[in-house]
Amino acid sequence: MEIALLILFVAVVFIIKAVKVVPQQHAWVVERLGRFHAALAPGLNIVVPFIDRVAYRHMLKEVPLDVPSQICITKDNTQLQVDGILYFQVTDPKLASYGTSDYLAAITQLAQTTLRSVIGKMELDKTFEERDHINSAVVAALDEAASSWGVKVLRYEIKDLTPPKEILHAMQAQITAEREKRALIAASEGRKQEQINIATGQREASIQRSEGEKQAAINNAQGEAEAIKAVADATAQAIRKVAEAIESPGGMNAVNLKVAEKYVEAFAHVAKEGTTLILPNNMADMGSMIAAAMSVIKAQK
């Protein structure tokens, strides 16, 4: 009975040791008698108890690795404190187990040295502008070296770039001066544009005023021309009527009568206005004109 229980116990232990369940996104490296035998895939796996052993367990998910902060020297000899975060993934469990004694430490150290090398080739101002370039350079260097460790470096991101306090104060003063300069330039450009707008407005107003005066003068001239033309037409029409009346029977007699009347009225008016009496040089002409006028009147009667 005791032997049967012992055999049962050994069988249970043997089964427990022989059956290995690997979780999803994991890989277990099995050594047989101290040598690499296989990398167990996720799921149920059978190994030989006491001969095979799980030597390494690797997670195949993407892993974030915090790279410790360090002091880097830029090209213009300025100290810069930099820290970042690295993302990697185990792609070959065998190389990750035997390619290096500690791939996490190797990746961390390589990331720090590569970062110092990249920043040492750049000036301080460029380090703030070229973060993407720094990240790409670090990833390229790490990925090339980590391929022999069974690790794929996916990306690297800089978290902080911290210059010394003196540099920060100088940068803030420079930014303030630059903003004040831009404000002064903007104000002067505004005043310049204002003067341009005023001058343009005055010029446009002068042009419009002169155009108005020109049009008014043209209109006045056209009005005067139309008035003169109307007067001339009326005068011509009157002369034409007079000429037609003279040509008619008795027209000349009427003209002579009208002239005689005007002649007498003129001398009468002169006598009324002054104390001096003015007589025509040839009184016979006046008498003959009056006689002609009387003869016309008698003829009419």
Protein backbone atom coordinates (compact mmCIF):
# COMPACT_ATOMS: atom_id res chain seq x y z
CA MET A 1 0.00 0.00 0.00
CA GLU A 2 2.75 2.40 0.91
CA ILE A 3 4.56 1.57 -2.30
CA ALA A 4 1.45 2.33 -4.34
CA LEU A 5 1.05 5.70 -2.62
CA LEU A 6 4.69 6.45 -3.26
CA ILE A 7 4.33 5.56 -6.92
CA LEU A 8 1.21 7.72 -7.15
CA PHE A 9 2.98 10.63 -5.53
CA VAL A 10 5.92 10.29 -7.91
CA ALA A 11 3.56 10.13 -10.87
CA VAL A 12 1.77 13.30 -9.76
CA VAL A 13 5.05 15.13 -9.27
CA PHE A 14 6.25 13.87 -12.65
CA ILE A 15 3.11 15.13 -14.38
CA ILE A 16 3.34 18.51 -12.63
CA LYS A 17 6.95 18.85 -13.67
CA ALA A 18 6.26 17.69 -17.21
CA VAL A 19 3.34 20.00 -17.98
CA LYS A 20 4.10 23.69 -18.58
CA VAL A 21 1.42 26.26 -19.44
CA VAL A 22 2.87 29.37 -21.04
CA PRO A 23 0.74 32.58 -20.93
CA GLN A 24 -0.11 34.55 -24.06
CA GLN A 25 2.58 37.01 -25.25
CA HIS A 26 5.24 35.16 -23.26
CA ALA A 27 8.09 32.84 -24.22
CA TRP A 28 9.93 30.41 -21.97
CA VAL A 29 13.41 29.20 -22.82
CA VAL A 30 14.00 25.51 -21.91
CA GLU A 31 17.46 24.10 -21.31
CA ARG A 32 18.12 20.35 -21.50
CA LEU A 33 21.02 19.27 -19.39
CA GLY A 34 22.38 22.83 -19.40
CA ARG A 35 22.05 23.46 -23.13
CA PHE A 36 19.41 25.37 -25.04
CA HIS A 37 16.65 23.04 -26.12
CA ALA A 38 13.58 25.05 -27.18
CA ALA A 39 11.50 28.17 -26.66
CA LEU A 40 8.06 27.19 -25.44
CA ALA A 41 5.16 28.88 -27.24
CA PRO A 42 2.04 30.13 -25.41
CA GLY A 43 -0.25 27.29 -24.36
CA LEU A 44 0.23 23.73 -23.06
CA ASN A 45 3.76 22.31 -23.40
CA ILE A 46 5.34 19.03 -22.29
CA VAL A 47 8.92 18.83 -21.01
CA VAL A 48 11.01 16.05 -19.55
CA PRO A 49 11.08 16.44 -15.77
CA PHE A 50 14.47 16.66 -14.06
CA ILE A 51 16.16 16.85 -17.46
CA ASP A 52 14.54 19.93 -18.96
CA ARG A 53 14.24 23.15 -16.99
CA VAL A 54 12.80 26.59 -17.73
CA ALA A 55 15.87 28.79 -17.63
CA TYR A 56 14.43 32.16 -18.84
CA ARG A 57 11.01 33.71 -19.03
CA HIS A 58 10.47 36.59 -21.46
CA MET A 59 7.50 38.85 -22.05
CA LEU A 60 6.90 39.59 -25.75
CA LYS A 61 4.80 42.73 -25.16
CA GLU A 62 6.07 46.23 -25.82
CA VAL A 63 7.92 47.37 -22.71
CA PRO A 64 8.53 51.01 -21.64
CA LEU A 65 11.95 51.54 -20.08
CA ASP A 66 12.68 54.72 -18.14
CA VAL A 67 16.17 55.95 -19.03
CA PRO A 68 17.74 57.70 -16.02
CA SER A 69 18.42 61.43 -16.20
CA GLN A 70 21.95 62.46 -17.16
CA ILE A 71 24.03 65.57 -17.86
CA CYS A 72 24.98 66.12 -21.51
CA ILE A 73 27.38 68.73 -22.93
CA THR A 74 26.23 70.54 -26.06
CA LYS A 75 28.43 71.72 -28.91
CA ASP A 76 28.63 75.22 -27.42
CA ASN A 77 29.81 73.77 -24.05
CA THR A 78 26.51 74.11 -22.19
CA GLN A 79 25.36 71.54 -19.64
CA LEU A 80 21.96 70.07 -20.33
CA GLN A 81 20.09 67.62 -18.11
CA VAL A 82 18.19 65.10 -20.23
CA ASP A 83 15.95 62.18 -19.41
CA GLY A 84 13.77 60.04 -21.61
CA ILE A 85 11.80 56.88 -22.04
CA LEU A 86 12.56 53.94 -24.32
CA TYR A 87 10.09 51.46 -25.83
CA PHE A 88 11.34 48.01 -26.87
CA GLN A 89 10.08 44.49 -27.54
CA VAL A 90 11.72 41.04 -27.28
CA THR A 91 11.60 39.42 -30.71
CA ASP A 92 13.99 36.45 -30.25
CA PRO A 93 13.83 34.73 -26.84
CA LYS A 94 17.02 32.71 -27.51
CA LEU A 95 19.15 35.80 -28.30
CA ALA A 96 17.57 37.71 -25.42
CA SER A 97 18.65 34.87 -23.11
CA TYR A 98 22.16 34.26 -24.40
CA GLY A 99 23.08 37.34 -26.43
CA THR A 100 23.84 39.43 -23.34
CA SER A 101 23.82 38.89 -19.62
CA ASP A 102 21.30 41.71 -19.06
CA TYR A 103 19.73 43.27 -22.11
CA LEU A 104 17.85 45.86 -20.00
CA ALA A 105 21.08 47.26 -18.59
CA ALA A 106 22.74 47.07 -22.00
CA ILE A 107 19.91 49.01 -23.67
CA THR A 108 19.87 51.62 -20.89
CA GLN A 109 23.60 52.25 -21.05
CA LEU A 110 23.63 52.37 -24.84
CA ALA A 111 20.72 54.82 -24.85
CA GLN A 112 22.57 57.14 -22.48
CA THR A 113 25.85 57.07 -24.39
CA THR A 114 24.10 57.54 -27.74
CA LEU A 115 22.11 60.47 -26.36
CA ARG A 116 25.28 62.16 -25.09
CA SER A 117 26.92 61.67 -28.49
CA VAL A 118 23.96 63.11 -30.43
CA ILE A 119 23.52 66.15 -28.17
CA GLY A 120 27.27 66.80 -28.21
CA LYS A 121 27.03 67.50 -31.94
CA MET A 122 24.30 70.15 -31.53
CA GLU A 123 24.12 73.64 -30.09
CA LEU A 124 21.82 74.43 -27.18
CA ASP A 125 19.12 76.16 -29.24
CA LYS A 126 19.03 73.29 -31.73
CA THR A 127 18.41 70.70 -29.00
CA PHE A 128 15.00 72.27 -28.30
CA GLU A 129 14.13 72.43 -32.00
CA GLU A 130 15.46 69.01 -33.08
CA ARG A 131 13.82 66.63 -30.62
CA ASP A 132 12.52 64.42 -33.40
CA HIS A 133 16.02 64.21 -34.89
CA ILE A 134 17.50 63.26 -31.50
CA ASN A 135 14.85 60.59 -30.95
CA SER A 136 15.40 59.11 -34.42
CA ALA A 137 19.19 59.06 -34.00
CA VAL A 138 18.95 57.26 -30.65
CA VAL A 139 16.48 54.67 -32.02
CA ALA A 140 18.66 53.99 -35.08
CA ALA A 141 21.80 53.41 -32.98
CA LEU A 142 20.01 51.26 -30.40
CA ASP A 143 18.15 49.15 -32.96
CA GLU A 144 21.36 48.32 -34.80
CA ALA A 145 23.10 47.14 -31.63
CA ALA A 146 20.08 45.49 -29.98
CA SER A 147 19.40 43.21 -32.96
CA SER A 148 22.09 40.84 -31.65
CA TRP A 149 20.33 40.75 -28.27
CA GLY A 150 16.98 39.60 -29.70
CA VAL A 151 15.42 42.98 -28.89
CA LYS A 152 13.68 45.44 -31.22
CA VAL A 153 13.88 49.10 -30.17
CA LEU A 154 10.63 50.73 -31.28
CA ARG A 155 11.01 54.39 -30.28
CA TYR A 156 12.66 56.79 -27.88
CA GLU A 157 11.08 59.95 -26.47
CA ILE A 158 12.81 62.77 -24.60
CA LYS A 159 10.80 63.74 -21.53
CA ASP A 160 12.72 66.77 -20.29
CA LEU A 161 15.53 69.03 -21.45
CA THR A 162 16.61 71.18 -18.53
CA PRO A 163 19.45 73.72 -18.93
CA PRO A 164 21.08 75.45 -15.94
CA LYS A 165 19.20 78.25 -14.15
CA GLU A 166 21.52 80.92 -15.54
CA ILE A 167 20.83 79.76 -19.08
CA LEU A 168 17.10 79.70 -18.36
CA HIS A 169 17.19 83.31 -17.12
CA ALA A 170 19.18 84.37 -20.18
CA MET A 171 16.75 82.58 -22.50
CA GLN A 172 13.77 84.21 -20.80
CA ALA A 173 15.42 87.64 -21.13
CA GLN A 174 16.11 86.94 -24.80
CA ILE A 175 12.50 85.89 -25.37
CA THR A 176 11.24 89.02 -23.59
CA ALA A 177 13.51 91.25 -25.69
CA GLU A 178 12.42 89.51 -28.86
CA ARG A 179 8.76 89.97 -27.99
CA GLU A 180 9.29 93.64 -27.17
CA LYS A 181 11.12 94.06 -30.46
CA ARG A 182 8.24 92.45 -32.36
CA ALA A 183 5.77 94.68 -30.48
CA LEU A 184 7.71 97.84 -31.43
CA ILE A 185 7.97 96.70 -35.04
CA ALA A 186 4.25 95.96 -35.11
CA ALA A 187 3.46 99.38 -33.62
CA SER A 188 5.69 101.18 -36.13
CA GLU A 189 4.15 99.18 -38.98
CA GLY A 190 0.74 100.18 -37.69
CA ARG A 191 1.67 103.87 -37.60
CA LYS A 192 3.19 103.58 -41.06
CA GLN A 193 0.05 101.96 -42.41
CA GLU A 194 -2.05 104.62 -40.71
CA GLN A 195 -0.07 107.43 -42.39
CA ILE A 196 -0.34 105.62 -45.71
CA ASN A 197 -4.08 105.24 -45.29
CA ILE A 198 -4.50 108.92 -44.35
CA ALA A 199 -2.41 110.06 -47.32
CA THR A 200 -4.28 107.72 -49.62
CA GLY A 201 -7.60 109.01 -48.31
CA GLN A 202 -6.58 112.64 -48.76
CA ARG A 203 -5.36 111.93 -52.27
CA GLU A 204 -8.59 110.14 -53.14
CA ALA A 205 -10.60 113.00 -51.64
CA SER A 206 -8.61 115.56 -53.65
CA ILE A 207 -9.11 113.55 -56.80
CA GLN A 208 -12.82 113.23 -56.16
CA ARG A 209 -13.06 116.96 -55.34
CA SER A 210 -11.22 117.97 -58.50
CA GLU A 211 -13.35 115.59 -60.53
CA GLY A 212 -16.45 117.16 -59.03
CA GLU A 213 -15.23 120.69 -59.74
CA LYS A 214 -14.31 119.66 -63.27
CA GLN A 215 -17.73 118.17 -63.84
CA ALA A 216 -19.40 121.25 -62.35
CA ALA A 217 -17.40 123.52 -64.65
CA ILE A 218 -18.31 121.34 -67.61
CA ASN A 219 -21.95 121.42 -66.62
CA ASN A 220 -21.86 125.23 -66.17
CA ALA A 221 -20.15 125.68 -69.52
CA GLN A 222 -22.65 123.41 -71.18
CA GLY A 223 -25.48 125.33 -69.51
CA GLU A 224 -24.10 128.68 -70.63
CA ALA A 225 -23.56 127.33 -74.13
CA GLU A 226 -27.13 126.08 -74.19
CA ALA A 227 -28.36 129.48 -72.92
CA ILE A 228 -26.35 131.41 -75.52
CA LYS A 229 -27.59 129.06 -78.19
CA ALA A 230 -31.17 129.57 -77.04
CA VAL A 231 -30.75 133.37 -77.01
CA ALA A 232 -29.14 133.24 -80.45
CA ASP A 233 -31.96 131.08 -81.74
CA ALA A 234 -34.53 133.47 -80.28
CA THR A 235 -32.72 136.49 -81.71
CA ALA A 236 -32.44 134.83 -85.10
CA GLN A 237 -36.12 133.94 -84.95
CA ALA A 238 -37.00 137.54 -84.03
CA ILE A 239 -34.84 138.96 -86.82
CA ARG A 240 -36.42 136.49 -89.19
CA LYS A 241 -39.89 137.64 -88.13
CA VAL A 242 -38.87 141.30 -88.48
CA ALA A 243 -37.45 140.62 -91.92
CA GLU A 244 -40.65 138.88 -92.93
CA ALA A 245 -42.70 141.82 -91.60
CA ILE A 246 -40.57 144.34 -93.51
CA GLU A 247 -40.97 142.38 -96.71
CA SER A 248 -44.73 142.38 -96.32
CA PRO A 249 -46.83 145.29 -97.82
CA GLY A 250 -46.52 148.43 -95.66
CA GLY A 251 -43.68 146.92 -93.66
CA MET A 252 -41.13 149.55 -94.58
CA ASN A 253 -43.56 152.37 -93.67
CA ALA A 254 -44.07 150.78 -90.25
CA VAL A 255 -40.32 150.62 -89.75
CA ASN A 256 -39.93 154.29 -90.63
CA LEU A 257 -42.73 155.23 -88.23
CA LYS A 258 -41.17 153.19 -85.42
CA VAL A 259 -37.74 154.73 -85.99
CA ALA A 260 -39.21 158.26 -85.95
CA GLU A 261 -41.01 157.54 -82.66
CA LYS A 262 -37.85 156.25 -81.04
CA TYR A 263 -35.89 159.20 -82.36
CA VAL A 264 -38.28 161.70 -80.80
CA GLU A 265 -38.47 159.74 -77.51
CA ALA A 266 -34.70 159.74 -77.24
CA PHE A 267 -34.45 163.53 -77.51
CA ALA A 268 -37.33 163.97 -75.11
CA HIS A 269 -35.63 161.72 -72.56
CA VAL A 270 -32.37 163.63 -72.84
CA ALA A 271 -34.19 166.94 -72.26
CA LYS A 272 -35.85 165.57 -69.10
CA GLU A 273 -32.67 164.16 -67.50
CA GLY A 274 -30.48 167.32 -67.74
CA THR A 275 -30.61 171.12 -67.76
CA THR A 276 -28.80 171.26 -71.04
CA LEU A 277 -30.78 170.92 -74.27
CA ILE A 278 -29.11 168.94 -76.96
CA LEU A 279 -30.26 169.41 -80.52
CA PRO A 280 -29.28 167.34 -83.49
CA ASN A 281 -26.75 168.72 -85.93
CA ASN A 282 -29.14 168.47 -88.85
CA MET A 283 -32.64 169.54 -87.84
CA ALA A 284 -33.87 169.00 -91.40
CA ASP A 285 -33.33 165.26 -91.02
CA MET A 286 -35.51 165.24 -87.96
CA GLY A 287 -38.20 167.24 -89.71
CA SER A 288 -38.15 165.02 -92.71
CA MET A 289 -38.41 161.97 -90.47
CA ILE A 290 -41.37 163.42 -88.64
CA ALA A 291 -43.00 164.35 -91.90
CA ALA A 292 -42.50 160.82 -93.14
CA ALA A 293 -44.04 159.47 -89.98
CA MET A 294 -47.07 161.76 -90.32
CA SER A 295 -47.56 160.74 -93.88
CA VAL A 296 -47.60 157.10 -92.80
CA ILE A 297 -50.19 157.84 -90.15
CA LYS A 298 -52.40 159.70 -92.61
CA ALA A 299 -52.10 156.89 -95.07
CA GLN A 300 -53.22 154.44 -92.39
CA LYS A 301 -56.24 156.56 -91.65
